[in-house]
PDB file of N, CA and C in Angstrom:
ATOM      1  N   MET A   1      95.001 110.435 137.565  1.00  0.00           N
ATOM      2  CA  MET A   1      95.496 110.780 136.254  1.00  0.00           C
ATOM      3  C   MET A   1      96.936 111.254 136.310  1.00  0.00           C
ATOM      4  N   ALA A   2      97.350 111.875 137.386  1.00  0.00           N
ATOM      5  CA  ALA A   2      98.709 112.412 137.494  1.00  0.00           C
ATOM      6  C   ALA A   2      99.750 111.303 137.390  1.00  0.00           C
ATOM      7  N   ASN A   3      99.489 110.134 137.945  1.00  0.00           N
ATOM      8  CA  ASN A   3     100.453 109.046 137.876  1.00  0.00           C
ATOM      9  C   ASN A   3     100.647 108.538 136.457  1.00  0.00           C
ATOM     10  N   GLU A   4      99.577 108.480 135.667  1.00  0.00           N
ATOM     11  CA  GLU A   4      99.711 108.042 134.277  1.00  0.00           C
ATOM     12  C   GLU A   4     100.578 109.018 133.488  1.00  0.00           C
ATOM     13  N   ASN A   5     100.424 110.313 133.730  1.00  0.00           N
ATOM     14  CA  ASN A   5     101.197 111.316 133.013  1.00  0.00           C
ATOM     15  C   ASN A   5     102.661 111.306 133.407  1.00  0.00           C
ATOM     16  N   ALA A   6     102.989 110.832 134.593  1.00  0.00           N
ATOM     17  CA  ALA A   6     104.354 110.878 135.102  1.00  0.00           C
ATOM     18  C   ALA A   6     105.173 109.637 134.744  1.00  0.00           C
ATOM     19  N   GLN A   7     104.546 108.606 134.203  1.00  0.00           N
ATOM     20  CA  GLN A   7     105.258 107.344 134.052  1.00  0.00           C
ATOM     21  C   GLN A   7     106.446 107.410 133.095  1.00  0.00           C
ATOM     22  N   PHE A   8     106.460 108.319 132.124  1.00  0.00           N
ATOM     23  CA  PHE A   8     107.579 108.425 131.201  1.00  0.00           C
ATOM     24  C   PHE A   8     108.408 109.686 131.433  1.00  0.00           C
ATOM     25  N   ARG A   9     108.064 110.458 132.429  1.00  0.00           N
ATOM     26  CA  ARG A   9     108.796 111.687 132.724  1.00  0.00           C
ATOM     27  C   ARG A   9     110.252 111.364 133.028  1.00  0.00           C
ATOM     28  N   GLY A  10     111.152 112.090 132.429  1.00  0.00           N
ATOM     29  CA  GLY A  10     112.569 111.865 132.652  1.00  0.00           C
ATOM     30  C   GLY A  10     113.196 110.870 131.692  1.00  0.00           C
ATOM     31  N   LEU A  11     112.384 110.160 130.903  1.00  0.00           N
ATOM     32  CA  LEU A  11     112.929 109.200 129.941  1.00  0.00           C
ATOM     33  C   LEU A  11     113.279 109.830 128.602  1.00  0.00           C
ATOM     34  N   PHE A  12     112.592 110.924 128.243  1.00  0.00           N
ATOM     35  CA  PHE A  12     112.795 111.556 126.945  1.00  0.00           C
ATOM     36  C   PHE A  12     112.873 113.068 127.090  1.00  0.00           C
ATOM     37  N   ASP A  13     113.639 113.700 126.209  1.00  0.00           N
ATOM     38  CA  ASP A  13     113.604 115.148 126.029  1.00  0.00           C
ATOM     39  C   ASP A  13     112.905 115.425 124.707  1.00  0.00           C
ATOM     40  N   VAL A  14     112.057 116.424 124.662  1.00  0.00           N
ATOM     41  CA  VAL A  14     111.445 116.828 123.401  1.00  0.00           C
ATOM     42  C   VAL A  14     112.477 117.654 122.644  1.00  0.00           C
ATOM     43  N   ILE A  15     112.860 117.182 121.487  1.00  0.00           N
ATOM     44  CA  ILE A  15     113.873 117.838 120.663  1.00  0.00           C
ATOM     45  C   ILE A  15     113.236 118.881 119.755  1.00  0.00           C
ATOM     46  N   GLY A  16     112.096 118.540 119.186  1.00  0.00           N
ATOM     47  CA  GLY A  16     111.430 119.487 118.299  1.00  0.00           C
ATOM     48  C   GLY A  16     110.111 118.948 117.816  1.00  0.00           C
ATOM     49  N   THR A  17     109.304 119.841 117.277  1.00  0.00           N
ATOM     50  CA  THR A  17     108.006 119.472 116.726  1.00  0.00           C
ATOM     51  C   THR A  17     107.834 120.143 115.371  1.00  0.00           C
ATOM     52  N   ALA A  18     106.904 119.623 114.594  1.00  0.00           N
ATOM     53  CA  ALA A  18     106.566 120.223 113.307  1.00  0.00           C
ATOM     54  C   ALA A  18     105.101 119.921 113.033  1.00  0.00           C
ATOM     55  N   SER A  19     104.487 120.764 112.229  1.00  0.00           N
ATOM     56  CA  SER A  19     103.089 120.567 111.811  1.00  0.00           C
ATOM     57  C   SER A  19     102.997 120.744 110.299  1.00  0.00           C
ATOM     58  N   PRO A  20     103.566 119.788 109.543  1.00  0.00           N
ATOM     59  CA  PRO A  20     103.557 119.931 108.089  1.00  0.00           C
ATOM     60  C   PRO A  20     102.190 119.649 107.484  1.00  0.00           C
ATOM     61  N   THR A  21     101.929 120.265 106.358  1.00  0.00           N
ATOM     62  CA  THR A  21     100.758 119.910 105.563  1.00  0.00           C
ATOM     63  C   THR A  21     101.174 118.763 104.655  1.00  0.00           C
ATOM     64  N   VAL A  22     100.456 117.653 104.753  1.00  0.00           N
ATOM     65  CA  VAL A  22     100.764 116.463 103.971  1.00  0.00           C
ATOM     66  C   VAL A  22      99.620 116.231 102.997  1.00  0.00           C
ATOM     67  N   ASP A  23      99.960 116.113 101.723  1.00  0.00           N
ATOM     68  CA  ASP A  23      98.962 115.909 100.672  1.00  0.00           C
ATOM     69  C   ASP A  23      99.464 114.832  99.716  1.00  0.00           C
ATOM     70  N   PRO A  24      99.348 113.551 100.124  1.00  0.00           N
ATOM     71  CA  PRO A  24      99.857 112.483  99.273  1.00  0.00           C
ATOM     72  C   PRO A  24      99.017 112.320  97.999  1.00  0.00           C
ATOM     73  N   ALA A  25      99.666 111.792  96.981  1.00  0.00           N
ATOM     74  CA  ALA A  25      98.954 111.462  95.743  1.00  0.00           C
ATOM     75  C   ALA A  25      98.041 110.272  96.019  1.00  0.00           C
ATOM     76  N   ALA A  26      97.177 109.946  95.066  1.00  0.00           N
ATOM     77  CA  ALA A  26      96.284 108.799  95.223  1.00  0.00           C
ATOM     78  C   ALA A  26      97.104 107.514  95.381  1.00  0.00           C
ATOM     79  N   PHE A  27      96.630 106.622  96.252  1.00  0.00           N
ATOM     80  CA  PHE A  27      97.286 105.341  96.498  1.00  0.00           C
ATOM     81  C   PHE A  27      96.553 104.226  95.777  1.00  0.00           C
ATOM     82  N   VAL A  28      97.299 103.254  95.297  1.00  0.00           N
ATOM     83  CA  VAL A  28      96.714 101.981  94.876  1.00  0.00           C
ATOM     84  C   VAL A  28      97.136 100.949  95.913  1.00  0.00           C
ATOM     85  N   ASP A  29      96.616  99.734  95.817  1.00  0.00           N
ATOM     86  CA  ASP A  29      96.895  98.692  96.797  1.00  0.00           C
ATOM     87  C   ASP A  29      98.394  98.439  96.936  1.00  0.00           C
ATOM     88  N   ASP A  30      98.847  98.331  98.168  1.00  0.00           N
ATOM     89  CA  ASP A  30     100.239  98.012  98.512  1.00  0.00           C
ATOM     90  C   ASP A  30     101.250  99.034  98.007  1.00  0.00           C
ATOM     91  N   GLU A  31     100.848 100.273  97.910  1.00  0.00           N
ATOM     92  CA  GLU A  31     101.760 101.334  97.506  1.00  0.00           C
ATOM     93  C   GLU A  31     102.134 102.162  98.727  1.00  0.00           C
ATOM     94  N   SER A  32     103.332 102.733  98.715  1.00  0.00           N
ATOM     95  CA  SER A  32     103.737 103.625  99.791  1.00  0.00           C
ATOM     96  C   SER A  32     104.291 104.915  99.211  1.00  0.00           C
ATOM     97  N   GLN A  33     104.241 105.960 100.034  1.00  0.00           N
ATOM     98  CA  GLN A  33     104.776 107.261  99.657  1.00  0.00           C
ATOM     99  C   GLN A  33     105.580 107.794 100.826  1.00  0.00           C
ATOM    100  N   VAL A  34     106.555 108.634 100.516  1.00  0.00           N
ATOM    101  CA  VAL A  34     107.457 109.171 101.526  1.00  0.00           C
ATOM    102  C   VAL A  34     107.334 110.686 101.560  1.00  0.00           C
ATOM    103  N   VAL A  35     107.274 111.227 102.779  1.00  0.00           N
ATOM    104  CA  VAL A  35     107.244 112.671 102.995  1.00  0.00           C
ATOM    105  C   VAL A  35     108.406 113.014 103.916  1.00  0.00           C
ATOM    106  N   SER A  36     109.220 113.984 103.532  1.00  0.00           N
ATOM    107  CA  SER A  36     110.321 114.439 104.377  1.00  0.00           C
ATOM    108  C   SER A  36     109.926 115.724 105.087  1.00  0.00           C
ATOM    109  N   VAL A  37     110.284 115.807 106.369  1.00  0.00           N
ATOM    110  CA  VAL A  37     109.938 116.950 107.206  1.00  0.00           C
ATOM    111  C   VAL A  37     111.199 117.401 107.933  1.00  0.00           C
ATOM    112  N   THR A  38     111.425 118.699 108.003  1.00  0.00           N
ATOM    113  CA  THR A  38     112.554 119.234 108.753  1.00  0.00           C
ATOM    114  C   THR A  38     112.148 119.453 110.207  1.00  0.00           C
ATOM    115  N   VAL A  39     112.914 118.861 111.116  1.00  0.00           N
ATOM    116  CA  VAL A  39     112.735 119.091 112.550  1.00  0.00           C
ATOM    117  C   VAL A  39     114.124 119.436 113.089  1.00  0.00           C
ATOM    118  N   ALA A  40     114.337 120.710 113.354  1.00  0.00           N
ATOM    119  CA  ALA A  40     115.646 121.190 113.802  1.00  0.00           C
ATOM    120  C   ALA A  40     116.100 120.470 115.067  1.00  0.00           C
ATOM    121  N   GLY A  41     117.348 120.035 115.067  1.00  0.00           N
ATOM    122  CA  GLY A  41     117.923 119.385 116.232  1.00  0.00           C
ATOM    123  C   GLY A  41     117.771 117.882 116.254  1.00  0.00           C
ATOM    124  N   SER A  42     116.950 117.314 115.369  1.00  0.00           N
ATOM    125  CA  SER A  42     116.763 115.862 115.375  1.00  0.00           C
ATOM    126  C   SER A  42     118.025 115.170 114.862  1.00  0.00           C
ATOM    127  N   ALA A  43     118.254 113.956 115.383  1.00  0.00           N
ATOM    128  CA  ALA A  43     119.452 113.199 115.024  1.00  0.00           C
ATOM    129  C   ALA A  43     119.111 111.711 114.975  1.00  0.00           C
ATOM    130  N   LEU A  44     119.965 110.957 114.295  1.00  0.00           N
ATOM    131  CA  LEU A  44     119.785 109.506 114.252  1.00  0.00           C
ATOM    132  C   LEU A  44     119.690 108.967 115.676  1.00  0.00           C
ATOM    133  N   GLY A  45     118.791 108.020 115.887  1.00  0.00           N
ATOM    134  CA  GLY A  45     118.587 107.446 117.216  1.00  0.00           C
ATOM    135  C   GLY A  45     117.451 108.079 117.993  1.00  0.00           C
ATOM    136  N   ASP A  46     116.980 109.245 117.541  1.00  0.00           N
ATOM    137  CA  ASP A  46     115.830 109.869 118.188  1.00  0.00           C
ATOM    138  C   ASP A  46     114.561 109.094 117.844  1.00  0.00           C
ATOM    139  N   VAL A  47     113.544 109.260 118.668  1.00  0.00           N
ATOM    140  CA  VAL A  47     112.253 108.601 118.494  1.00  0.00           C
ATOM    141  C   VAL A  47     111.287 109.606 117.881  1.00  0.00           C
ATOM    142  N   VAL A  48     110.484 109.158 116.909  1.00  0.00           N
ATOM    143  CA  VAL A  48     109.547 110.053 116.239  1.00  0.00           C
ATOM    144  C   VAL A  48     108.120 109.570 116.472  1.00  0.00           C
ATOM    145  N   LEU A  49     107.268 110.486 116.915  1.00  0.00           N
ATOM    146  CA  LEU A  49     105.834 110.236 117.032  1.00  0.00           C
ATOM    147  C   LEU A  49     105.135 111.028 115.931  1.00  0.00           C
ATOM    148  N   VAL A  50     104.151 110.404 115.273  1.00  0.00           N
ATOM    149  CA  VAL A  50     103.438 111.072 114.182  1.00  0.00           C
ATOM    150  C   VAL A  50     101.942 110.935 114.408  1.00  0.00           C
ATOM    151  N   GLY A  51     101.235 112.028 114.230  1.00  0.00           N
ATOM    152  CA  GLY A  51      99.780 112.039 114.305  1.00  0.00           C
ATOM    153  C   GLY A  51      99.204 112.501 112.983  1.00  0.00           C
ATOM    154  N   PRO A  52      98.643 111.573 112.187  1.00  0.00           N
ATOM    155  CA  PRO A  52      98.043 111.973 110.915  1.00  0.00           C
ATOM    156  C   PRO A  52      96.853 112.893 111.129  1.00  0.00           C
ATOM    157  N   GLY A  53      96.623 113.769 110.174  1.00  0.00           N
ATOM    158  CA  GLY A  53      95.512 114.703 110.252  1.00  0.00           C
ATOM    159  C   GLY A  53      94.231 114.188 109.626  1.00  0.00           C
ATOM    160  N   VAL A  54      94.254 112.956 109.097  1.00  0.00           N
ATOM    161  CA  VAL A  54      93.072 112.364 108.462  1.00  0.00           C
ATOM    162  C   VAL A  54      92.997 110.878 108.808  1.00  0.00           C
ATOM    163  N   ASP A  55      91.840 110.293 108.548  1.00  0.00           N
ATOM    164  CA  ASP A  55      91.678 108.846 108.631  1.00  0.00           C
ATOM    165  C   ASP A  55      92.539 108.239 107.529  1.00  0.00           C
ATOM    166  N   LEU A  56      93.390 107.298 107.870  1.00  0.00           N
ATOM    167  CA  LEU A  56      94.321 106.734 106.893  1.00  0.00           C
ATOM    168  C   LEU A  56      93.692 105.730 105.940  1.00  0.00           C
ATOM    169  N   ALA A  57      92.447 105.372 106.137  1.00  0.00           N
ATOM    170  CA  ALA A  57      91.723 104.502 105.206  1.00  0.00           C
ATOM    171  C   ALA A  57      92.566 103.291 104.804  1.00  0.00           C
ATOM    172  N   GLU A  58      92.802 102.385 105.748  1.00  0.00           N
ATOM    173  CA  GLU A  58      93.598 101.183 105.542  1.00  0.00           C
ATOM    174  C   GLU A  58      95.067 101.502 105.274  1.00  0.00           C
ATOM    175  N   GLY A  59      95.552 102.530 105.943  1.00  0.00           N
ATOM    176  CA  GLY A  59      96.947 102.920 105.785  1.00  0.00           C
ATOM    177  C   GLY A  59      97.748 102.662 107.048  1.00  0.00           C
ATOM    178  N   ILE A  60      99.043 102.610 106.882  1.00  0.00           N
ATOM    179  CA  ILE A  60      99.985 102.429 107.980  1.00  0.00           C
ATOM    180  C   ILE A  60     101.036 103.530 107.856  1.00  0.00           C
ATOM    181  N   VAL A  61     101.438 104.096 109.004  1.00  0.00           N
ATOM    182  CA  VAL A  61     102.425 105.170 109.003  1.00  0.00           C
ATOM    183  C   VAL A  61     103.605 104.771 109.877  1.00  0.00           C
ATOM    184  N   SER A  62     104.799 105.054 109.404  1.00  0.00           N
ATOM    185  CA  SER A  62     105.993 104.932 110.236  1.00  0.00           C
ATOM    186  C   SER A  62     106.846 106.164 109.991  1.00  0.00           C
ATOM    187  N   ALA A  63     107.687 106.491 110.954  1.00  0.00           N
ATOM    188  CA  ALA A  63     108.533 107.672 110.803  1.00  0.00           C
ATOM    189  C   ALA A  63     109.834 107.458 111.542  1.00  0.00           C
ATOM    190  N   SER A  64     110.899 108.031 110.998  1.00  0.00           N
ATOM    191  CA  SER A  64     112.204 107.950 111.648  1.00  0.00           C
ATOM    192  C   SER A  64     113.059 109.121 111.207  1.00  0.00           C
ATOM    193  N   VAL A  65     114.062 109.411 112.011  1.00  0.00           N
ATOM    194  CA  VAL A  65     115.050 110.420 111.632  1.00  0.00           C
ATOM    195  C   VAL A  65     116.014 109.735 110.676  1.00  0.00           C
ATOM    196  N   ILE A  66     116.176 110.287 109.471  1.00  0.00           N
ATOM    197  CA  ILE A  66     117.066 109.662 108.486  1.00  0.00           C
ATOM    198  C   ILE A  66     118.410 110.369 108.379  1.00  0.00           C
ATOM    199  N   SER A  67     118.478 111.612 108.853  1.00  0.00           N
ATOM    200  CA  SER A  67     119.730 112.364 108.911  1.00  0.00           C
ATOM    201  C   SER A  67     119.492 113.560 109.820  1.00  0.00           C
ATOM    202  N   ALA A  68     120.540 114.284 110.140  1.00  0.00           N
ATOM    203  CA  ALA A  68     120.400 115.442 111.026  1.00  0.00           C
ATOM    204  C   ALA A  68     119.318 116.377 110.512  1.00  0.00           C
ATOM    205  N   ASN A  69     118.355 116.693 111.379  1.00  0.00           N
ATOM    206  CA  ASN A  69     117.274 117.640 111.099  1.00  0.00           C
ATOM    207  C   ASN A  69     116.221 117.147 110.116  1.00  0.00           C
ATOM    208  N   THR A  70     116.271 115.889 109.708  1.00  0.00           N
ATOM    209  CA  THR A  70     115.326 115.386 108.704  1.00  0.00           C
ATOM    210  C   THR A  70     114.593 114.143 109.183  1.00  0.00           C
ATOM    211  N   VAL A  71     113.265 114.234 109.201  1.00  0.00           N
ATOM    212  CA  VAL A  71     112.395 113.112 109.543  1.00  0.00           C
ATOM    213  C   VAL A  71     111.722 112.633 108.265  1.00  0.00           C
ATOM    214  N   GLU A  72     111.689 111.329 108.093  1.00  0.00           N
ATOM    215  CA  GLU A  72     111.025 110.742 106.938  1.00  0.00           C
ATOM    216  C   GLU A  72     109.775 110.006 107.422  1.00  0.00           C
ATOM    217  N   ILE A  73     108.631 110.373 106.843  1.00  0.00           N
ATOM    218  CA  ILE A  73     107.359 109.707 107.142  1.00  0.00           C
ATOM    219  C   ILE A  73     107.023 108.815 105.961  1.00  0.00           C
ATOM    220  N   VAL A  74     106.759 107.540 106.230  1.00  0.00           N
ATOM    221  CA  VAL A  74     106.362 106.607 105.182  1.00  0.00           C
ATOM    222  C   VAL A  74     104.889 106.279 105.394  1.00  0.00           C
ATOM    223  N   ILE A  75     104.091 106.530 104.378  1.00  0.00           N
ATOM    224  CA  ILE A  75     102.656 106.250 104.417  1.00  0.00           C
ATOM    225  C   ILE A  75     102.414 105.089 103.460  1.00  0.00           C
ATOM    226  N   ALA A  76     101.903 103.976 103.967  1.00  0.00           N
ATOM    227  CA  ALA A  76     101.654 102.798 103.140  1.00  0.00           C
ATOM    228  C   ALA A  76     100.163 102.492 103.128  1.00  0.00           C
ATOM    229  N   HIS A  77      99.649 102.177 101.959  1.00  0.00           N
ATOM    230  CA  HIS A  77      98.238 101.798 101.817  1.00  0.00           C
ATOM    231  C   HIS A  77      98.171 100.287 101.651  1.00  0.00           C
ATOM    232  N   VAL A  78      97.471  99.622 102.565  1.00  0.00           N
ATOM    233  CA  VAL A  78      97.417  98.166 102.544  1.00  0.00           C
ATOM    234  C   VAL A  78      96.035  97.624 102.177  1.00  0.00           C
ATOM    235  N   GLY A  79      95.113  98.507 101.846  1.00  0.00           N
ATOM    236  CA  GLY A  79      93.773  98.067 101.462  1.00  0.00           C
ATOM    237  C   GLY A  79      93.771  97.530 100.046  1.00  0.00           C
ATOM    238  N   GLY A  80      92.680  96.940  99.644  1.00  0.00           N
ATOM    239  CA  GLY A  80      92.586  96.333  98.324  1.00  0.00           C
ATOM    240  C   GLY A  80      92.013  97.252  97.266  1.00  0.00           C
ATOM    241  N   ASP A  81      91.995  98.533  97.523  1.00  0.00           N
ATOM    242  CA  ASP A  81      91.393  99.454  96.568  1.00  0.00           C
ATOM    243  C   ASP A  81      92.271 100.690  96.406  1.00  0.00           C
ATOM    244  N   THR A  82      91.823 101.609  95.592  1.00  0.00           N
ATOM    245  CA  THR A  82      92.507 102.886  95.415  1.00  0.00           C
ATOM    246  C   THR A  82      91.914 103.886  96.391  1.00  0.00           C
ATOM    247  N   THR A  83      92.761 104.711  96.989  1.00  0.00           N
ATOM    248  CA  THR A  83      92.267 105.736  97.899  1.00  0.00           C
ATOM    249  C   THR A  83      93.088 106.998  97.726  1.00  0.00           C
ATOM    250  N   ASN A  84      92.486 108.116  98.040  1.00  0.00           N
ATOM    251  CA  ASN A  84      93.169 109.403  97.948  1.00  0.00           C
ATOM    252  C   ASN A  84      92.943 110.137  99.263  1.00  0.00           C
ATOM    253  N   LEU A  85      93.990 110.236 100.070  1.00  0.00           N
ATOM    254  CA  LEU A  85      93.882 110.916 101.355  1.00  0.00           C
ATOM    255  C   LEU A  85      93.812 112.426 101.137  1.00  0.00           C
ATOM    256  N   ALA A  86      92.967 113.074 101.886  1.00  0.00           N
ATOM    257  CA  ALA A  86      92.831 114.526 101.781  1.00  0.00           C
ATOM    258  C   ALA A  86      94.084 115.205 102.341  1.00  0.00           C
ATOM    259  N   SER A  87      94.367 116.373 101.850  1.00  0.00           N
ATOM    260  CA  SER A  87      95.441 117.192 102.399  1.00  0.00           C
ATOM    261  C   SER A  87      95.074 117.556 103.831  1.00  0.00           C
ATOM    262  N   SER A  88      96.055 117.465 104.737  1.00  0.00           N
ATOM    263  CA  SER A  88      95.772 117.767 106.140  1.00  0.00           C
ATOM    264  C   SER A  88      97.066 118.142 106.855  1.00  0.00           C
ATOM    265  N   THR A  89      96.903 118.700 108.034  1.00  0.00           N
ATOM    266  CA  THR A  89      98.045 119.043 108.874  1.00  0.00           C
ATOM    267  C   THR A  89      98.343 117.867 109.798  1.00  0.00           C
ATOM    268  N   TRP A  90      99.582 117.402 109.781  1.00  0.00           N
ATOM    269  CA  TRP A  90     100.018 116.297 110.617  1.00  0.00           C
ATOM    270  C   TRP A  90     100.829 116.853 111.776  1.00  0.00           C
ATOM    271  N   LYS A  91     100.940 116.094 112.837  1.00  0.00           N
ATOM    272  CA  LYS A  91     101.754 116.466 113.995  1.00  0.00           C
ATOM    273  C   LYS A  91     102.959 115.534 114.067  1.00  0.00           C
ATOM    274  N   VAL A  92     104.140 116.118 114.206  1.00  0.00           N
ATOM    275  CA  VAL A  92     105.378 115.346 114.313  1.00  0.00           C
ATOM    276  C   VAL A  92     106.107 115.811 115.580  1.00  0.00           C
ATOM    277  N   CYS A  93     106.527 114.858 116.396  1.00  0.00           N
ATOM    278  CA  CYS A  93     107.262 115.168 117.618  1.00  0.00           C
ATOM    279  C   CYS A  93     108.492 114.264 117.681  1.00  0.00           C
ATOM    280  N   VAL A  94     109.663 114.858 117.865  1.00  0.00           N
ATOM    281  CA  VAL A  94     110.908 114.103 117.974  1.00  0.00           C
ATOM    282  C   VAL A  94     111.356 114.109 119.431  1.00  0.00           C
ATOM    283  N   LEU A  95     111.606 112.916 119.946  1.00  0.00           N
ATOM    284  CA  LEU A  95     112.028 112.724 121.341  1.00  0.00           C
ATOM    285  C   LEU A  95     113.416 112.105 121.377  1.00  0.00           C
ATOM    286  N   ARG A  96     114.212 112.497 122.335  1.00  0.00           N
ATOM    287  CA  ARG A  96     115.542 111.907 122.516  1.00  0.00           C
ATOM    288  C   ARG A  96     115.546 111.116 123.820  1.00  0.00           C
ATOM    289  N   PRO A  97     115.816 109.804 123.725  1.00  0.00           N
ATOM    290  CA  PRO A  97     115.890 108.976 124.932  1.00  0.00           C
ATOM    291  C   PRO A  97     117.022 109.440 125.850  1.00  0.00           C
ATOM    292  N   GLN A  98     116.796 109.321 127.148  1.00  0.00           N
ATOM    293  CA  GLN A  98     117.781 109.732 128.145  1.00  0.00           C
ATOM    294  C   GLN A  98     118.699 108.599 128.585  1.00  0.00           C
ATOM    295  N   TRP A  99     118.675 107.488 127.909  1.00  0.00           N
ATOM    296  CA  TRP A  99     119.546 106.390 128.294  1.00  0.00           C
ATOM    297  C   TRP A  99     120.568 106.112 127.232  1.00  0.00           C
TER     298      TRP A  99
END
């Protein structure tokens, strides 16, 4: 197990983390919503990892740094029905590549 954990060591620095409460409005088919999160120290070009706090129910998530200290999470619903995701705590981690 130690070798698997070491494979990316030295490639990224952890810049910051956040645990925002995300409570999107109800989604209809092919709709998306945007949530902005402050992560101190984040900058354009950083990599963002996001862990939703709920089952996305036919949803897709992407995230990126859009300006200094600001991460934008886009939640898109691609199912053919209406859904309402429960309010939950999400995990956000910003990494800076070392190359």
